[in-house]
Amino acid sequence: MNKLLEFLREQREALEFSQEYMADMMNVSSRKISRWERGLSEMKFSEVIAYSQYLDISLERVFAVYANQEALKYPVAEITFLVYSNDAFAQIMSEALRMGLDEIIVKQTNKY
């Protein structure tokens, strides 16, 4: 997710939001924001969604940045997200359908 994290950091900096400001908005520590941005800690997809929303970045743009990174590694782009809420799932599905994705595979798990 390095390209995505780099993109999110650049967008935060373009808006002149500090890591402390983002930490306050997301109710996490500024250390956590720093670790995400440096790739030292993984973000849950729900955190990516929240972070993006505070920066006014659409899910379509998040998917595009993430998919472009993945497309460099694999001939067929497949993106897997762990979704922890029905609202987040609905938002992802809505955005995927709006983007016209040809195939969407949904797998449900009880693992958290």
N, C-alpha and C. Protein backbone atom coordinates (compact mmCIF):
# COMPACT_ATOMS: atom_id res chain seq x y z
N MET A 1 0.81 -1.18 0.00
CA MET A 1 0.00 0.00 0.00
C MET A 1 0.87 1.26 0.00
N ASN A 2 2.17 1.13 -0.28
CA ASN A 2 3.08 2.28 -0.16
C ASN A 2 2.68 3.46 -1.04
N LYS A 3 2.30 3.21 -2.29
CA LYS A 3 1.90 4.31 -3.17
C LYS A 3 0.67 5.02 -2.63
N LEU A 4 -0.26 4.25 -2.10
CA LEU A 4 -1.47 4.84 -1.53
C LEU A 4 -1.12 5.67 -0.31
N LEU A 5 -0.27 5.16 0.56
CA LEU A 5 0.13 5.91 1.75
C LEU A 5 0.87 7.19 1.38
N GLU A 6 1.72 7.08 0.37
CA GLU A 6 2.44 8.27 -0.11
C GLU A 6 1.45 9.29 -0.67
N PHE A 7 0.48 8.83 -1.44
CA PHE A 7 -0.55 9.71 -1.99
C PHE A 7 -1.33 10.41 -0.88
N LEU A 8 -1.76 9.65 0.14
CA LEU A 8 -2.53 10.23 1.24
C LEU A 8 -1.71 11.27 2.00
N ARG A 9 -0.43 10.97 2.23
CA ARG A 9 0.45 11.92 2.92
C ARG A 9 0.58 13.20 2.09
N GLU A 10 0.79 13.07 0.78
CA GLU A 10 0.93 14.23 -0.09
C GLU A 10 -0.34 15.08 -0.08
N GLN A 11 -1.49 14.42 -0.09
CA GLN A 11 -2.75 15.16 -0.06
C GLN A 11 -2.93 15.90 1.27
N ARG A 12 -2.55 15.23 2.36
CA ARG A 12 -2.64 15.88 3.68
C ARG A 12 -1.75 17.11 3.71
N GLU A 13 -0.53 16.96 3.21
CA GLU A 13 0.41 18.08 3.22
C GLU A 13 -0.06 19.21 2.29
N ALA A 14 -0.67 18.87 1.17
CA ALA A 14 -1.18 19.89 0.24
C ALA A 14 -2.27 20.74 0.90
N LEU A 15 -3.04 20.12 1.77
CA LEU A 15 -4.08 20.84 2.51
C LEU A 15 -3.53 21.54 3.75
N GLU A 16 -2.24 21.34 3.99
CA GLU A 16 -1.55 21.90 5.15
C GLU A 16 -2.15 21.42 6.47
N PHE A 17 -2.58 20.15 6.47
CA PHE A 17 -3.05 19.51 7.70
C PHE A 17 -1.85 18.84 8.36
N SER A 18 -1.68 19.05 9.63
CA SER A 18 -0.60 18.39 10.36
C SER A 18 -1.00 16.96 10.71
N GLN A 19 -0.02 16.16 11.05
CA GLN A 19 -0.31 14.81 11.53
C GLN A 19 -1.13 14.89 12.82
N GLU A 20 -0.85 15.87 13.64
CA GLU A 20 -1.59 16.03 14.88
C GLU A 20 -3.06 16.34 14.62
N TYR A 21 -3.31 17.18 13.61
CA TYR A 21 -4.69 17.52 13.23
C TYR A 21 -5.43 16.26 12.77
N MET A 22 -4.79 15.48 11.90
CA MET A 22 -5.42 14.24 11.41
C MET A 22 -5.65 13.27 12.56
N ALA A 23 -4.70 13.20 13.47
CA ALA A 23 -4.85 12.31 14.62
C ALA A 23 -6.06 12.71 15.46
N ASP A 24 -6.22 14.00 15.67
CA ASP A 24 -7.38 14.49 16.42
C ASP A 24 -8.69 14.16 15.70
N MET A 25 -8.71 14.38 14.39
CA MET A 25 -9.92 14.11 13.60
C MET A 25 -10.30 12.63 13.65
N MET A 26 -9.29 11.75 13.63
CA MET A 26 -9.54 10.32 13.57
C MET A 26 -9.54 9.65 14.94
N ASN A 27 -9.27 10.44 15.96
CA ASN A 27 -9.24 9.92 17.32
C ASN A 27 -8.19 8.81 17.50
N VAL A 28 -7.00 9.08 16.95
CA VAL A 28 -5.84 8.19 17.10
C VAL A 28 -4.66 9.06 17.50
N SER A 29 -3.53 8.44 17.80
CA SER A 29 -2.34 9.21 18.17
C SER A 29 -1.63 9.72 16.92
N SER A 30 -0.91 10.83 17.08
CA SER A 30 -0.13 11.34 15.95
C SER A 30 0.98 10.36 15.57
N ARG A 31 1.43 9.60 16.54
CA ARG A 31 2.43 8.56 16.26
C ARG A 31 1.88 7.53 15.29
N LYS A 32 0.59 7.17 15.47
CA LYS A 32 -0.04 6.20 14.58
C LYS A 32 -0.10 6.75 13.15
N ILE A 33 -0.46 8.04 13.01
CA ILE A 33 -0.49 8.67 11.69
C ILE A 33 0.90 8.62 11.06
N SER A 34 1.91 8.96 11.83
CA SER A 34 3.29 8.94 11.35
C SER A 34 3.69 7.53 10.89
N ARG A 35 3.34 6.54 11.68
CA ARG A 35 3.70 5.16 11.34
C ARG A 35 2.98 4.70 10.07
N TRP A 36 1.72 5.10 9.91
CA TRP A 36 1.00 4.77 8.67
C TRP A 36 1.71 5.38 7.47
N GLU A 37 1.99 6.67 7.56
CA GLU A 37 2.56 7.39 6.44
C GLU A 37 3.96 6.91 6.07
N ARG A 38 4.69 6.39 7.03
CA ARG A 38 6.03 5.87 6.75
C ARG A 38 6.00 4.38 6.39
N GLY A 39 4.80 3.79 6.40
CA GLY A 39 4.67 2.37 6.04
C GLY A 39 5.14 1.43 7.13
N LEU A 40 5.21 1.92 8.36
CA LEU A 40 5.67 1.09 9.47
C LEU A 40 4.51 0.37 10.15
N SER A 41 3.29 0.78 9.82
CA SER A 41 2.10 0.17 10.39
C SER A 41 1.04 0.13 9.30
N GLU A 42 0.27 -0.94 9.26
CA GLU A 42 -0.77 -1.08 8.24
C GLU A 42 -2.06 -0.39 8.66
N MET A 43 -2.73 0.21 7.69
CA MET A 43 -4.03 0.83 7.93
C MET A 43 -5.11 -0.18 7.58
N LYS A 44 -6.13 -0.27 8.42
CA LYS A 44 -7.32 -1.04 8.07
C LYS A 44 -8.03 -0.24 6.97
N PHE A 45 -8.81 -0.94 6.14
CA PHE A 45 -9.47 -0.22 5.07
C PHE A 45 -10.45 0.81 5.63
N SER A 46 -11.07 0.51 6.74
CA SER A 46 -11.97 1.48 7.35
C SER A 46 -11.21 2.76 7.74
N GLU A 47 -9.95 2.61 8.12
CA GLU A 47 -9.12 3.77 8.44
C GLU A 47 -8.75 4.54 7.18
N VAL A 48 -8.48 3.81 6.09
CA VAL A 48 -8.20 4.45 4.81
C VAL A 48 -9.41 5.28 4.37
N ILE A 49 -10.61 4.70 4.52
CA ILE A 49 -11.83 5.41 4.15
C ILE A 49 -11.98 6.69 4.98
N ALA A 50 -11.82 6.57 6.29
CA ALA A 50 -11.97 7.74 7.16
C ALA A 50 -10.91 8.80 6.83
N TYR A 51 -9.67 8.38 6.68
CA TYR A 51 -8.58 9.31 6.37
C TYR A 51 -8.87 10.04 5.07
N SER A 52 -9.31 9.29 4.07
CA SER A 52 -9.63 9.86 2.76
C SER A 52 -10.78 10.85 2.85
N GLN A 53 -11.79 10.51 3.64
CA GLN A 53 -12.94 11.40 3.77
C GLN A 53 -12.54 12.73 4.40
N TYR A 54 -11.67 12.71 5.40
CA TYR A 54 -11.21 13.96 6.02
C TYR A 54 -10.42 14.82 5.03
N LEU A 55 -9.81 14.16 4.03
CA LEU A 55 -9.05 14.89 3.02
C LEU A 55 -9.90 15.19 1.78
N ASP A 56 -11.17 14.80 1.83
CA ASP A 56 -12.11 14.99 0.71
C ASP A 56 -11.63 14.29 -0.56
N ILE A 57 -11.17 13.05 -0.40
CA ILE A 57 -10.72 12.22 -1.51
C ILE A 57 -11.77 11.13 -1.71
N SER A 58 -12.23 10.96 -2.94
CA SER A 58 -13.25 9.96 -3.23
C SER A 58 -12.67 8.54 -3.15
N LEU A 59 -13.55 7.59 -2.88
CA LEU A 59 -13.12 6.19 -2.90
C LEU A 59 -12.64 5.80 -4.28
N GLU A 60 -13.22 6.38 -5.30
CA GLU A 60 -12.79 6.09 -6.67
C GLU A 60 -11.31 6.41 -6.83
N ARG A 61 -10.90 7.56 -6.29
CA ARG A 61 -9.49 7.96 -6.38
C ARG A 61 -8.61 7.01 -5.55
N VAL A 62 -9.08 6.63 -4.38
CA VAL A 62 -8.32 5.68 -3.55
C VAL A 62 -8.15 4.36 -4.30
N PHE A 63 -9.25 3.84 -4.89
CA PHE A 63 -9.16 2.60 -5.66
C PHE A 63 -8.17 2.75 -6.81
N ALA A 64 -8.23 3.88 -7.51
CA ALA A 64 -7.36 4.09 -8.67
C ALA A 64 -5.89 4.09 -8.27
N VAL A 65 -5.57 4.80 -7.21
CA VAL A 65 -4.17 4.83 -6.75
C VAL A 65 -3.73 3.44 -6.32
N TYR A 66 -4.57 2.74 -5.54
CA TYR A 66 -4.23 1.40 -5.06
C TYR A 66 -4.14 0.41 -6.21
N ALA A 67 -5.10 0.45 -7.14
CA ALA A 67 -5.12 -0.49 -8.27
C ALA A 67 -3.93 -0.28 -9.18
N ASN A 68 -3.54 0.97 -9.41
CA ASN A 68 -2.37 1.23 -10.27
C ASN A 68 -1.12 0.64 -9.67
N GLN A 69 -1.00 0.69 -8.37
CA GLN A 69 0.15 0.09 -7.70
C GLN A 69 0.12 -1.42 -7.88
N GLU A 70 -1.05 -2.02 -7.64
CA GLU A 70 -1.18 -3.46 -7.76
C GLU A 70 -0.99 -3.93 -9.19
N ALA A 71 -1.43 -3.15 -10.15
CA ALA A 71 -1.32 -3.54 -11.55
C ALA A 71 0.15 -3.67 -11.97
N LEU A 72 1.02 -2.95 -11.29
CA LEU A 72 2.44 -3.07 -11.59
C LEU A 72 3.00 -4.41 -11.15
N LYS A 73 2.39 -5.03 -10.15
CA LYS A 73 2.89 -6.28 -9.60
C LYS A 73 2.26 -7.52 -10.24
N TYR A 74 1.00 -7.42 -10.63
CA TYR A 74 0.24 -8.58 -11.07
C TYR A 74 -0.43 -8.29 -12.41
N PRO A 75 -0.49 -9.29 -13.32
CA PRO A 75 -1.14 -9.06 -14.60
C PRO A 75 -2.65 -8.82 -14.48
N VAL A 76 -3.27 -9.40 -13.47
CA VAL A 76 -4.69 -9.19 -13.23
C VAL A 76 -4.82 -8.46 -11.90
N ALA A 77 -5.46 -7.32 -11.93
CA ALA A 77 -5.60 -6.54 -10.70
C ALA A 77 -6.71 -7.14 -9.85
N GLU A 78 -6.38 -7.49 -8.65
CA GLU A 78 -7.36 -7.96 -7.67
C GLU A 78 -7.10 -7.21 -6.40
N ILE A 79 -8.13 -6.64 -5.86
CA ILE A 79 -7.98 -5.85 -4.64
C ILE A 79 -8.82 -6.51 -3.56
N THR A 80 -8.23 -6.75 -2.42
CA THR A 80 -8.94 -7.34 -1.30
C THR A 80 -8.96 -6.33 -0.16
N PHE A 81 -10.15 -6.13 0.39
CA PHE A 81 -10.30 -5.22 1.51
C PHE A 81 -10.97 -5.95 2.66
N LEU A 82 -10.52 -5.69 3.86
CA LEU A 82 -11.20 -6.17 5.05
C LEU A 82 -12.16 -5.07 5.48
N VAL A 83 -13.42 -5.41 5.55
CA VAL A 83 -14.44 -4.43 5.87
C VAL A 83 -15.08 -4.84 7.19
N TYR A 84 -15.12 -3.91 8.13
CA TYR A 84 -15.59 -4.22 9.47
C TYR A 84 -16.97 -3.69 9.79
N SER A 85 -17.61 -3.03 8.81
CA SER A 85 -18.96 -2.54 9.09
C SER A 85 -19.80 -2.61 7.83
N ASN A 86 -21.10 -2.72 8.00
CA ASN A 86 -22.01 -2.76 6.86
C ASN A 86 -21.98 -1.44 6.10
N ASP A 87 -21.82 -0.33 6.79
CA ASP A 87 -21.76 0.97 6.13
C ASP A 87 -20.55 1.05 5.20
N ALA A 88 -19.40 0.61 5.69
CA ALA A 88 -18.19 0.64 4.87
C ALA A 88 -18.35 -0.29 3.67
N PHE A 89 -18.94 -1.46 3.88
CA PHE A 89 -19.17 -2.40 2.79
C PHE A 89 -20.08 -1.78 1.74
N ALA A 90 -21.16 -1.17 2.17
CA ALA A 90 -22.10 -0.55 1.24
C ALA A 90 -21.42 0.56 0.44
N GLN A 91 -20.58 1.33 1.10
CA GLN A 91 -19.88 2.42 0.43
C GLN A 91 -18.92 1.88 -0.63
N ILE A 92 -18.20 0.81 -0.30
CA ILE A 92 -17.26 0.20 -1.24
C ILE A 92 -18.01 -0.35 -2.45
N MET A 93 -19.10 -1.08 -2.20
CA MET A 93 -19.86 -1.67 -3.30
C MET A 93 -20.46 -0.59 -4.19
N SER A 94 -20.98 0.45 -3.60
CA SER A 94 -21.56 1.55 -4.37
C SER A 94 -20.51 2.18 -5.28
N GLU A 95 -19.34 2.43 -4.72
CA GLU A 95 -18.27 3.05 -5.49
C GLU A 95 -17.77 2.12 -6.60
N ALA A 96 -17.64 0.83 -6.29
CA ALA A 96 -17.19 -0.14 -7.29
C ALA A 96 -18.18 -0.23 -8.45
N LEU A 97 -19.45 -0.26 -8.15
CA LEU A 97 -20.47 -0.32 -9.19
C LEU A 97 -20.49 0.96 -10.02
N ARG A 98 -20.33 2.10 -9.35
CA ARG A 98 -20.30 3.37 -10.05
C ARG A 98 -19.11 3.44 -11.01
N MET A 99 -18.00 2.81 -10.62
CA MET A 99 -16.80 2.79 -11.46
C MET A 99 -16.94 1.83 -12.63
N GLY A 100 -17.97 0.98 -12.59
CA GLY A 100 -18.20 0.04 -13.69
C GLY A 100 -17.29 -1.18 -13.66
N LEU A 101 -16.90 -1.60 -12.49
CA LEU A 101 -16.06 -2.79 -12.40
C LEU A 101 -16.82 -3.99 -12.97
N ASP A 102 -16.14 -4.78 -13.78
CA ASP A 102 -16.79 -5.90 -14.46
C ASP A 102 -17.18 -7.02 -13.52
N GLU A 103 -16.36 -7.27 -12.54
CA GLU A 103 -16.62 -8.42 -11.67
C GLU A 103 -16.31 -8.04 -10.23
N ILE A 104 -17.24 -8.35 -9.38
CA ILE A 104 -17.04 -8.09 -7.95
C ILE A 104 -17.30 -9.40 -7.23
N ILE A 105 -16.32 -9.85 -6.48
CA ILE A 105 -16.46 -11.08 -5.71
C ILE A 105 -16.50 -10.71 -4.25
N VAL A 106 -17.52 -11.17 -3.58
CA VAL A 106 -17.68 -10.86 -2.16
C VAL A 106 -17.47 -12.12 -1.36
N LYS A 107 -16.56 -12.04 -0.42
CA LYS A 107 -16.32 -13.15 0.50
C LYS A 107 -16.54 -12.66 1.90
N GLN A 108 -17.32 -13.37 2.65
CA GLN A 108 -17.62 -12.95 4.02
C GLN A 108 -16.84 -13.82 4.99
N THR A 109 -16.37 -13.22 6.04
CA THR A 109 -15.65 -13.95 7.07
C THR A 109 -16.08 -13.45 8.44
N ASN A 110 -15.93 -14.28 9.42
CA ASN A 110 -16.25 -13.89 10.80
C ASN A 110 -14.97 -13.50 11.56
N LYS A 111 -13.84 -13.51 10.89
CA LYS A 111 -12.57 -13.19 11.53
C LYS A 111 -12.43 -11.68 11.68
N TYR A 112 -12.02 -11.25 12.87
CA TYR A 112 -11.77 -9.82 13.12
C TYR A 112 -10.41 -9.65 13.71
